[in-house]
Amino acid sequence: MANIKSAKKRIKVISKKTLRNKMIKSQTKTAIKKVVTAVTAGNKEDAAVALKGAISAIDRAYSKGVYHKNTTARKKSNLSKLVNKL
């Protein structure tokens, strides 16, 4: 446990940021899962709608600093490939 006041504050701040990042990552993963389930079901219309939502969620996560730029690009590319194969 930290003894210094600034270190105690950093622990509080980091825990808040960790919680926020977990929440954003969870929402993004859920959006990605919706695309994958629509693709496995073979429903092109639902997959296209879910892809739009997933790309939006991924971009939002990037803008908040949760994902790196290349990670964002890779995730969007892989999802687009999945949907385009239908």
PDB file of N, CA and C in Angstrom:
ATOM      1  N   MET A   1       0.849  -1.191   0.000  1.00  0.00           N
ATOM      2  CA  MET A   1       0.000   0.000   0.000  1.00  0.00           C
ATOM      3  C   MET A   1       0.881   1.235   0.000  1.00  0.00           C
ATOM      4  N   ALA A   2       0.452   2.232  -0.731  1.00  0.00           N
ATOM      5  CA  ALA A   2       1.223   3.470  -0.851  1.00  0.00           C
ATOM      6  C   ALA A   2       1.108   4.311   0.421  1.00  0.00           C
ATOM      7  N   ASN A   3       2.191   4.992   0.737  1.00  0.00           N
ATOM      8  CA  ASN A   3       2.217   5.875   1.908  1.00  0.00           C
ATOM      9  C   ASN A   3       2.150   7.340   1.509  1.00  0.00           C
ATOM     10  N   ILE A   4       2.679   7.644   0.328  1.00  0.00           N
ATOM     11  CA  ILE A   4       2.753   9.033  -0.119  1.00  0.00           C
ATOM     12  C   ILE A   4       1.398   9.449  -0.689  1.00  0.00           C
ATOM     13  N   LYS A   5       1.026  10.694  -0.407  1.00  0.00           N
ATOM     14  CA  LYS A   5      -0.292  11.203  -0.803  1.00  0.00           C
ATOM     15  C   LYS A   5      -0.504  11.129  -2.312  1.00  0.00           C
ATOM     16  N   SER A   6       0.491  11.518  -3.086  1.00  0.00           N
ATOM     17  CA  SER A   6       0.344  11.508  -4.547  1.00  0.00           C
ATOM     18  C   SER A   6       0.215  10.083  -5.079  1.00  0.00           C
ATOM     19  N   ALA A   7       0.902   9.147  -4.443  1.00  0.00           N
ATOM     20  CA  ALA A   7       0.802   7.753  -4.869  1.00  0.00           C
ATOM     21  C   ALA A   7      -0.587   7.201  -4.575  1.00  0.00           C
ATOM     22  N   LYS A   8      -1.156   7.601  -3.437  1.00  0.00           N
ATOM     23  CA  LYS A   8      -2.517   7.181  -3.103  1.00  0.00           C
ATOM     24  C   LYS A   8      -3.508   7.706  -4.134  1.00  0.00           C
ATOM     25  N   LYS A   9      -3.303   8.950  -4.546  1.00  0.00           N
ATOM     26  CA  LYS A   9      -4.182   9.547  -5.547  1.00  0.00           C
ATOM     27  C   LYS A   9      -4.045   8.806  -6.876  1.00  0.00           C
ATOM     28  N   ARG A  10      -2.808   8.472  -7.257  1.00  0.00           N
ATOM     29  CA  ARG A  10      -2.592   7.773  -8.522  1.00  0.00           C
ATOM     30  C   ARG A  10      -3.323   6.425  -8.518  1.00  0.00           C
ATOM     31  N   ILE A  11      -3.321   5.749  -7.371  1.00  0.00           N
ATOM     32  CA  ILE A  11      -4.021   4.470  -7.278  1.00  0.00           C
ATOM     33  C   ILE A  11      -5.512   4.659  -7.538  1.00  0.00           C
ATOM     34  N   LYS A  12      -6.091   5.725  -6.956  1.00  0.00           N
ATOM     35  CA  LYS A  12      -7.518   6.010  -7.187  1.00  0.00           C
ATOM     36  C   LYS A  12      -7.793   6.313  -8.649  1.00  0.00           C
ATOM     37  N   VAL A  13      -6.949   7.169  -9.236  1.00  0.00           N
ATOM     38  CA  VAL A  13      -7.149   7.592 -10.620  1.00  0.00           C
ATOM     39  C   VAL A  13      -7.008   6.403 -11.566  1.00  0.00           C
ATOM     40  N   ILE A  14      -5.992   5.574 -11.323  1.00  0.00           N
ATOM     41  CA  ILE A  14      -5.761   4.420 -12.185  1.00  0.00           C
ATOM     42  C   ILE A  14      -6.928   3.441 -12.106  1.00  0.00           C
ATOM     43  N   SER A  15      -7.466   3.244 -10.911  1.00  0.00           N
ATOM     44  CA  SER A  15      -8.589   2.314 -10.791  1.00  0.00           C
ATOM     45  C   SER A  15      -9.816   2.831 -11.536  1.00  0.00           C
ATOM     46  N   LYS A  16     -10.047   4.146 -11.504  1.00  0.00           N
ATOM     47  CA  LYS A  16     -11.166   4.726 -12.259  1.00  0.00           C
ATOM     48  C   LYS A  16     -10.958   4.545 -13.752  1.00  0.00           C
ATOM     49  N   LYS A  17      -9.737   4.823 -14.219  1.00  0.00           N
ATOM     50  CA  LYS A  17      -9.448   4.701 -15.644  1.00  0.00           C
ATOM     51  C   LYS A  17      -9.538   3.248 -16.103  1.00  0.00           C
ATOM     52  N   THR A  18      -9.086   2.326 -15.250  1.00  0.00           N
ATOM     53  CA  THR A  18      -9.156   0.910 -15.585  1.00  0.00           C
ATOM     54  C   THR A  18     -10.604   0.473 -15.743  1.00  0.00           C
ATOM     55  N   LEU A  19     -11.462   0.925 -14.845  1.00  0.00           N
ATOM     56  CA  LEU A  19     -12.879   0.595 -14.919  1.00  0.00           C
ATOM     57  C   LEU A  19     -13.501   1.144 -16.200  1.00  0.00           C
ATOM     58  N   ARG A  20     -13.167   2.376 -16.539  1.00  0.00           N
ATOM     59  CA  ARG A  20     -13.684   3.011 -17.756  1.00  0.00           C
ATOM     60  C   ARG A  20     -13.223   2.242 -18.994  1.00  0.00           C
ATOM     61  N   ASN A  21     -11.924   1.873 -19.027  1.00  0.00           N
ATOM     62  CA  ASN A  21     -11.392   1.146 -20.173  1.00  0.00           C
ATOM     63  C   ASN A  21     -12.035  -0.228 -20.301  1.00  0.00           C
ATOM     64  N   LYS A  22     -12.272  -0.907 -19.183  1.00  0.00           N
ATOM     65  CA  LYS A  22     -12.932  -2.211 -19.220  1.00  0.00           C
ATOM     66  C   LYS A  22     -14.331  -2.089 -19.797  1.00  0.00           C
ATOM     67  N   MET A  23     -15.035  -1.044 -19.397  1.00  0.00           N
ATOM     68  CA  MET A  23     -16.393  -0.828 -19.872  1.00  0.00           C
ATOM     69  C   MET A  23     -16.408  -0.610 -21.388  1.00  0.00           C
ATOM     70  N   ILE A  24     -15.494   0.220 -21.865  1.00  0.00           N
ATOM     71  CA  ILE A  24     -15.436   0.517 -23.297  1.00  0.00           C
ATOM     72  C   ILE A  24     -15.043  -0.729 -24.087  1.00  0.00           C
ATOM     73  N   LYS A  25     -14.067  -1.485 -23.583  1.00  0.00           N
ATOM     74  CA  LYS A  25     -13.647  -2.709 -24.265  1.00  0.00           C
ATOM     75  C   LYS A  25     -14.775  -3.724 -24.313  1.00  0.00           C
ATOM     76  N   SER A  26     -15.534  -3.811 -23.241  1.00  0.00           N
ATOM     77  CA  SER A  26     -16.644  -4.752 -23.182  1.00  0.00           C
ATOM     78  C   SER A  26     -17.709  -4.397 -24.218  1.00  0.00           C
ATOM     79  N   GLN A  27     -18.032  -3.114 -24.323  1.00  0.00           N
ATOM     80  CA  GLN A  27     -19.018  -2.680 -25.319  1.00  0.00           C
ATOM     81  C   GLN A  27     -18.529  -2.976 -26.728  1.00  0.00           C
ATOM     82  N   THR A  28     -17.240  -2.772 -26.967  1.00  0.00           N
ATOM     83  CA  THR A  28     -16.669  -3.023 -28.285  1.00  0.00           C
ATOM     84  C   THR A  28     -16.714  -4.507 -28.617  1.00  0.00           C
ATOM     85  N   LYS A  29     -16.342  -5.346 -27.643  1.00  0.00           N
ATOM     86  CA  LYS A  29     -16.362  -6.789 -27.868  1.00  0.00           C
ATOM     87  C   LYS A  29     -17.774  -7.289 -28.142  1.00  0.00           C
ATOM     88  N   THR A  30     -18.756  -6.713 -27.455  1.00  0.00           N
ATOM     89  CA  THR A  30     -20.148  -7.099 -27.688  1.00  0.00           C
ATOM     90  C   THR A  30     -20.568  -6.755 -29.108  1.00  0.00           C
ATOM     91  N   ALA A  31     -20.173  -5.571 -29.573  1.00  0.00           N
ATOM     92  CA  ALA A  31     -20.515  -5.150 -30.941  1.00  0.00           C
ATOM     93  C   ALA A  31     -19.850  -6.074 -31.960  1.00  0.00           C
ATOM     94  N   ILE A  32     -18.608  -6.461 -31.701  1.00  0.00           N
ATOM     95  CA  ILE A  32     -17.893  -7.360 -32.610  1.00  0.00           C
ATOM     96  C   ILE A  32     -18.567  -8.731 -32.625  1.00  0.00           C
ATOM     97  N   LYS A  33     -18.995  -9.192 -31.456  1.00  0.00           N
ATOM     98  CA  LYS A  33     -19.650 -10.488 -31.357  1.00  0.00           C
ATOM     99  C   LYS A  33     -20.954 -10.513 -32.144  1.00  0.00           C
ATOM    100  N   LYS A  34     -21.671  -9.377 -32.160  1.00  0.00           N
ATOM    101  CA  LYS A  34     -22.913  -9.301 -32.930  1.00  0.00           C
ATOM    102  C   LYS A  34     -22.647  -9.500 -34.417  1.00  0.00           C
ATOM    103  N   VAL A  35     -21.541  -8.922 -34.907  1.00  0.00           N
ATOM    104  CA  VAL A  35     -21.187  -9.086 -36.314  1.00  0.00           C
ATOM    105  C   VAL A  35     -20.871 -10.549 -36.605  1.00  0.00           C
ATOM    106  N   VAL A  36     -20.079 -11.156 -35.743  1.00  0.00           N
ATOM    107  CA  VAL A  36     -19.666 -12.543 -35.964  1.00  0.00           C
ATOM    108  C   VAL A  36     -20.872 -13.488 -35.951  1.00  0.00           C
ATOM    109  N   THR A  37     -21.797 -13.280 -35.022  1.00  0.00           N
ATOM    110  CA  THR A  37     -22.981 -14.147 -34.974  1.00  0.00           C
ATOM    111  C   THR A  37     -23.863 -13.956 -36.201  1.00  0.00           C
ATOM    112  N   ALA A  38     -23.971 -12.715 -36.673  1.00  0.00           N
ATOM    113  CA  ALA A  38     -24.765 -12.469 -37.884  1.00  0.00           C
ATOM    114  C   ALA A  38     -24.121 -13.129 -39.093  1.00  0.00           C
ATOM    115  N   VAL A  39     -22.786 -13.111 -39.144  1.00  0.00           N
ATOM    116  CA  VAL A  39     -22.081 -13.733 -40.269  1.00  0.00           C
ATOM    117  C   VAL A  39     -22.231 -15.254 -40.221  1.00  0.00           C
ATOM    118  N   THR A  40     -22.096 -15.832 -39.031  1.00  0.00           N
ATOM    119  CA  THR A  40     -22.236 -17.290 -38.928  1.00  0.00           C
ATOM    120  C   THR A  40     -23.659 -17.738 -39.232  1.00  0.00           C
ATOM    121  N   ALA A  41     -24.636 -16.879 -38.949  1.00  0.00           N
ATOM    122  CA  ALA A  41     -26.021 -17.199 -39.281  1.00  0.00           C
ATOM    123  C   ALA A  41     -26.282 -17.015 -40.777  1.00  0.00           C
ATOM    124  N   GLY A  42     -25.406 -16.285 -41.451  1.00  0.00           N
ATOM    125  CA  GLY A  42     -25.547 -16.078 -42.884  1.00  0.00           C
ATOM    126  C   GLY A  42     -26.487 -14.950 -43.248  1.00  0.00           C
ATOM    127  N   ASN A  43     -26.785 -14.082 -42.300  1.00  0.00           N
ATOM    128  CA  ASN A  43     -27.698 -12.966 -42.532  1.00  0.00           C
ATOM    129  C   ASN A  43     -26.902 -11.727 -42.923  1.00  0.00           C
ATOM    130  N   LYS A  44     -26.893 -11.430 -44.226  1.00  0.00           N
ATOM    131  CA  LYS A  44     -26.053 -10.336 -44.739  1.00  0.00           C
ATOM    132  C   LYS A  44     -26.536  -8.964 -44.280  1.00  0.00           C
ATOM    133  N   GLU A  45     -27.851  -8.755 -44.235  1.00  0.00           N
ATOM    134  CA  GLU A  45     -28.381  -7.445 -43.857  1.00  0.00           C
ATOM    135  C   GLU A  45     -28.042  -7.130 -42.389  1.00  0.00           C
ATOM    136  N   ASP A  46     -28.288  -8.118 -41.511  1.00  0.00           N
ATOM    137  CA  ASP A  46     -27.972  -7.912 -40.097  1.00  0.00           C
ATOM    138  C   ASP A  46     -26.478  -7.726 -39.889  1.00  0.00           C
ATOM    139  N   ALA A  47     -25.686  -8.473 -40.656  1.00  0.00           N
ATOM    140  CA  ALA A  47     -24.235  -8.366 -40.533  1.00  0.00           C
ATOM    141  C   ALA A  47     -23.766  -6.976 -40.934  1.00  0.00           C
ATOM    142  N   ALA A  48     -24.362  -6.412 -41.987  1.00  0.00           N
ATOM    143  CA  ALA A  48     -23.962  -5.084 -42.448  1.00  0.00           C
ATOM    144  C   ALA A  48     -24.319  -4.020 -41.408  1.00  0.00           C
ATOM    145  N   VAL A  49     -25.499  -4.148 -40.824  1.00  0.00           N
ATOM    146  CA  VAL A  49     -25.917  -3.198 -39.791  1.00  0.00           C
ATOM    147  C   VAL A  49     -25.031  -3.330 -38.553  1.00  0.00           C
ATOM    148  N   ALA A  50     -24.748  -4.570 -38.165  1.00  0.00           N
ATOM    149  CA  ALA A  50     -23.905  -4.810 -37.000  1.00  0.00           C
ATOM    150  C   ALA A  50     -22.478  -4.335 -37.249  1.00  0.00           C
ATOM    151  N   LEU A  51     -22.012  -4.473 -38.495  1.00  0.00           N
ATOM    152  CA  LEU A  51     -20.664  -4.015 -38.844  1.00  0.00           C
ATOM    153  C   LEU A  51     -20.547  -2.506 -38.667  1.00  0.00           C
ATOM    154  N   LYS A  52     -21.576  -1.790 -39.090  1.00  0.00           N
ATOM    155  CA  LYS A  52     -21.562  -0.335 -38.943  1.00  0.00           C
ATOM    156  C   LYS A  52     -21.467   0.055 -37.463  1.00  0.00           C
ATOM    157  N   GLY A  53     -22.243  -0.625 -36.631  1.00  0.00           N
ATOM    158  CA  GLY A  53     -22.202  -0.359 -35.195  1.00  0.00           C
ATOM    159  C   GLY A  53     -20.871  -0.739 -34.573  1.00  0.00           C
ATOM    160  N   ALA A  54     -20.290  -1.850 -35.026  1.00  0.00           N
ATOM    161  CA  ALA A  54     -19.016  -2.311 -34.482  1.00  0.00           C
ATOM    162  C   ALA A  54     -17.883  -1.357 -34.857  1.00  0.00           C
ATOM    163  N   ILE A  55     -17.886  -0.892 -36.090  1.00  0.00           N
ATOM    164  CA  ILE A  55     -16.851   0.048 -36.521  1.00  0.00           C
ATOM    165  C   ILE A  55     -16.966   1.344 -35.729  1.00  0.00           C
ATOM    166  N   SER A  56     -18.185   1.774 -35.483  1.00  0.00           N
ATOM    167  CA  SER A  56     -18.399   2.964 -34.670  1.00  0.00           C
ATOM    168  C   SER A  56     -17.859   2.760 -33.252  1.00  0.00           C
ATOM    169  N   ALA A  57     -18.133   1.594 -32.669  1.00  0.00           N
ATOM    170  CA  ALA A  57     -17.663   1.303 -31.309  1.00  0.00           C
ATOM    171  C   ALA A  57     -16.143   1.227 -31.258  1.00  0.00           C
ATOM    172  N   ILE A  58     -15.539   0.634 -32.281  1.00  0.00           N
ATOM    173  CA  ILE A  58     -14.079   0.518 -32.334  1.00  0.00           C
ATOM    174  C   ILE A  58     -13.446   1.899 -32.462  1.00  0.00           C
ATOM    175  N   ASP A  59     -14.016   2.740 -33.320  1.00  0.00           N
ATOM    176  CA  ASP A  59     -13.498   4.105 -33.474  1.00  0.00           C
ATOM    177  C   ASP A  59     -13.647   4.898 -32.186  1.00  0.00           C
ATOM    178  N   ARG A  60     -14.755   4.697 -31.489  1.00  0.00           N
ATOM    179  CA  ARG A  60     -14.977   5.387 -30.219  1.00  0.00           C
ATOM    180  C   ARG A  60     -13.925   4.968 -29.195  1.00  0.00           C
ATOM    181  N   ALA A  61     -13.637   3.672 -29.164  1.00  0.00           N
ATOM    182  CA  ALA A  61     -12.626   3.162 -28.234  1.00  0.00           C
ATOM    183  C   ALA A  61     -11.251   3.734 -28.573  1.00  0.00           C
ATOM    184  N   TYR A  62     -10.948   3.869 -29.864  1.00  0.00           N
ATOM    185  CA  TYR A  62      -9.673   4.457 -30.273  1.00  0.00           C
ATOM    186  C   TYR A  62      -9.589   5.920 -29.864  1.00  0.00           C
ATOM    187  N   SER A  63     -10.672   6.650 -30.052  1.00  0.00           N
ATOM    188  CA  SER A  63     -10.657   8.073 -29.733  1.00  0.00           C
ATOM    189  C   SER A  63     -10.496   8.317 -28.233  1.00  0.00           C
ATOM    190  N   LYS A  64     -10.915   7.351 -27.425  1.00  0.00           N
ATOM    191  CA  LYS A  64     -10.765   7.473 -25.969  1.00  0.00           C
ATOM    192  C   LYS A  64      -9.430   6.923 -25.488  1.00  0.00           C
ATOM    193  N   GLY A  65      -8.620   6.403 -26.404  1.00  0.00           N
ATOM    194  CA  GLY A  65      -7.285   5.933 -26.052  1.00  0.00           C
ATOM    195  C   GLY A  65      -7.237   4.514 -25.532  1.00  0.00           C
ATOM    196  N   VAL A  66      -8.296   3.744 -25.748  1.00  0.00           N
ATOM    197  CA  VAL A  66      -8.329   2.365 -25.261  1.00  0.00           C
ATOM    198  C   VAL A  66      -7.549   1.452 -26.204  1.00  0.00           C
ATOM    199  N   TYR A  67      -7.683   1.663 -27.512  1.00  0.00           N
ATOM    200  CA  TYR A  67      -6.994   0.853 -28.508  1.00  0.00           C
ATOM    201  C   TYR A  67      -5.964   1.675 -29.252  1.00  0.00           C
ATOM    202  N   HIS A  68      -4.901   1.001 -29.690  1.00  0.00           N
ATOM    203  CA  HIS A  68      -3.886   1.611 -30.533  1.00  0.00           C
ATOM    204  C   HIS A  68      -4.441   1.741 -31.960  1.00  0.00           C
ATOM    205  N   LYS A  69      -3.854   2.640 -32.723  1.00  0.00           N
ATOM    206  CA  LYS A  69      -4.325   2.902 -34.082  1.00  0.00           C
ATOM    207  C   LYS A  69      -4.292   1.641 -34.946  1.00  0.00           C
ATOM    208  N   ASN A  70      -3.209   0.885 -34.875  1.00  0.00           N
ATOM    209  CA  ASN A  70      -3.085  -0.320 -35.701  1.00  0.00           C
ATOM    210  C   ASN A  70      -4.052  -1.414 -35.257  1.00  0.00           C
ATOM    211  N   THR A  71      -4.295  -1.504 -33.976  1.00  0.00           N
ATOM    212  CA  THR A  71      -5.269  -2.476 -33.464  1.00  0.00           C
ATOM    213  C   THR A  71      -6.650  -2.157 -34.003  1.00  0.00           C
ATOM    214  N   THR A  72      -6.982  -0.877 -33.999  1.00  0.00           N
ATOM    215  CA  THR A  72      -8.267  -0.430 -34.527  1.00  0.00           C
ATOM    216  C   THR A  72      -8.397  -0.795 -36.001  1.00  0.00           C
ATOM    217  N   ALA A  73      -7.365  -0.515 -36.758  1.00  0.00           N
ATOM    218  CA  ALA A  73      -7.395  -0.806 -38.189  1.00  0.00           C
ATOM    219  C   ALA A  73      -7.524  -2.304 -38.442  1.00  0.00           C
ATOM    220  N   ARG A  74      -6.799  -3.108 -37.660  1.00  0.00           N
ATOM    221  CA  ARG A  74      -6.841  -4.558 -37.827  1.00  0.00           C
ATOM    222  C   ARG A  74      -8.220  -5.112 -37.515  1.00  0.00           C
ATOM    223  N   LYS A  75      -8.828  -4.664 -36.429  1.00  0.00           N
ATOM    224  CA  LYS A  75     -10.150  -5.144 -36.040  1.00  0.00           C
ATOM    225  C   LYS A  75     -11.185  -4.793 -37.113  1.00  0.00           C
ATOM    226  N   LYS A  76     -11.141  -3.551 -37.583  1.00  0.00           N
ATOM    227  CA  LYS A  76     -12.106  -3.121 -38.603  1.00  0.00           C
ATOM    228  C   LYS A  76     -11.906  -3.908 -39.899  1.00  0.00           C
ATOM    229  N   SER A  77     -10.644  -4.137 -40.270  1.00  0.00           N
ATOM    230  CA  SER A  77     -10.346  -4.867 -41.493  1.00  0.00           C
ATOM    231  C   SER A  77     -10.855  -6.305 -41.414  1.00  0.00           C
ATOM    232  N   ASN A  78     -10.576  -6.968 -40.299  1.00  0.00           N
ATOM    233  CA  ASN A  78     -11.017  -8.365 -40.152  1.00  0.00           C
ATOM    234  C   ASN A  78     -12.529  -8.489 -40.196  1.00  0.00           C
ATOM    235  N   LEU A  79     -13.230  -7.559 -39.546  1.00  0.00           N
ATOM    236  CA  LEU A  79     -14.700  -7.609 -39.576  1.00  0.00           C
ATOM    237  C   LEU A  79     -15.229  -7.354 -40.979  1.00  0.00           C
ATOM    238  N   SER A  80     -14.630  -6.390 -41.667  1.00  0.00           N
ATOM    239  CA  SER A  80     -15.071  -6.084 -43.030  1.00  0.00           C
ATOM    240  C   SER A  80     -14.872  -7.282 -43.954  1.00  0.00           C
ATOM    241  N   LYS A  81     -13.744  -7.971 -43.790  1.00  0.00           N
ATOM    242  CA  LYS A  81     -13.497  -9.166 -44.600  1.00  0.00           C
ATOM    243  C   LYS A  81     -14.559 -10.232 -44.343  1.00  0.00           C
ATOM    244  N   LEU A  82     -14.908 -10.412 -43.085  1.00  0.00           N
ATOM    245  CA  LEU A  82     -15.929 -11.400 -42.738  1.00  0.00           C
ATOM    246  C   LEU A  82     -17.248 -11.097 -43.433  1.00  0.00           C
ATOM    247  N   VAL A  83     -17.669  -9.843 -43.334  1.00  0.00           N
ATOM    248  CA  VAL A  83     -18.961  -9.462 -43.917  1.00  0.00           C
ATOM    249  C   VAL A  83     -18.922  -9.518 -45.428  1.00  0.00           C
ATOM    250  N   ASN A  84     -17.791  -9.119 -46.024  1.00  0.00           N
ATOM    251  CA  ASN A  84     -17.703  -9.119 -47.479  1.00  0.00           C
ATOM    252  C   ASN A  84     -17.657 -10.525 -48.071  1.00  0.00           C
ATOM    253  N   LYS A  85     -17.264 -11.514 -47.279  1.00  0.00           N
ATOM    254  CA  LYS A  85     -17.248 -12.901 -47.773  1.00  0.00           C
ATOM    255  C   LYS A  85     -18.659 -13.451 -47.970  1.00  0.00           C
ATOM    256  N   LEU A  86     -19.649 -12.857 -47.285  1.00  0.00           N
ATOM    257  CA  LEU A  86     -21.023 -13.354 -47.417  1.00  0.00           C
ATOM    258  C   LEU A  86     -21.564 -13.140 -48.811  1.00  0.00           C
TER     259      LEU A  86
END
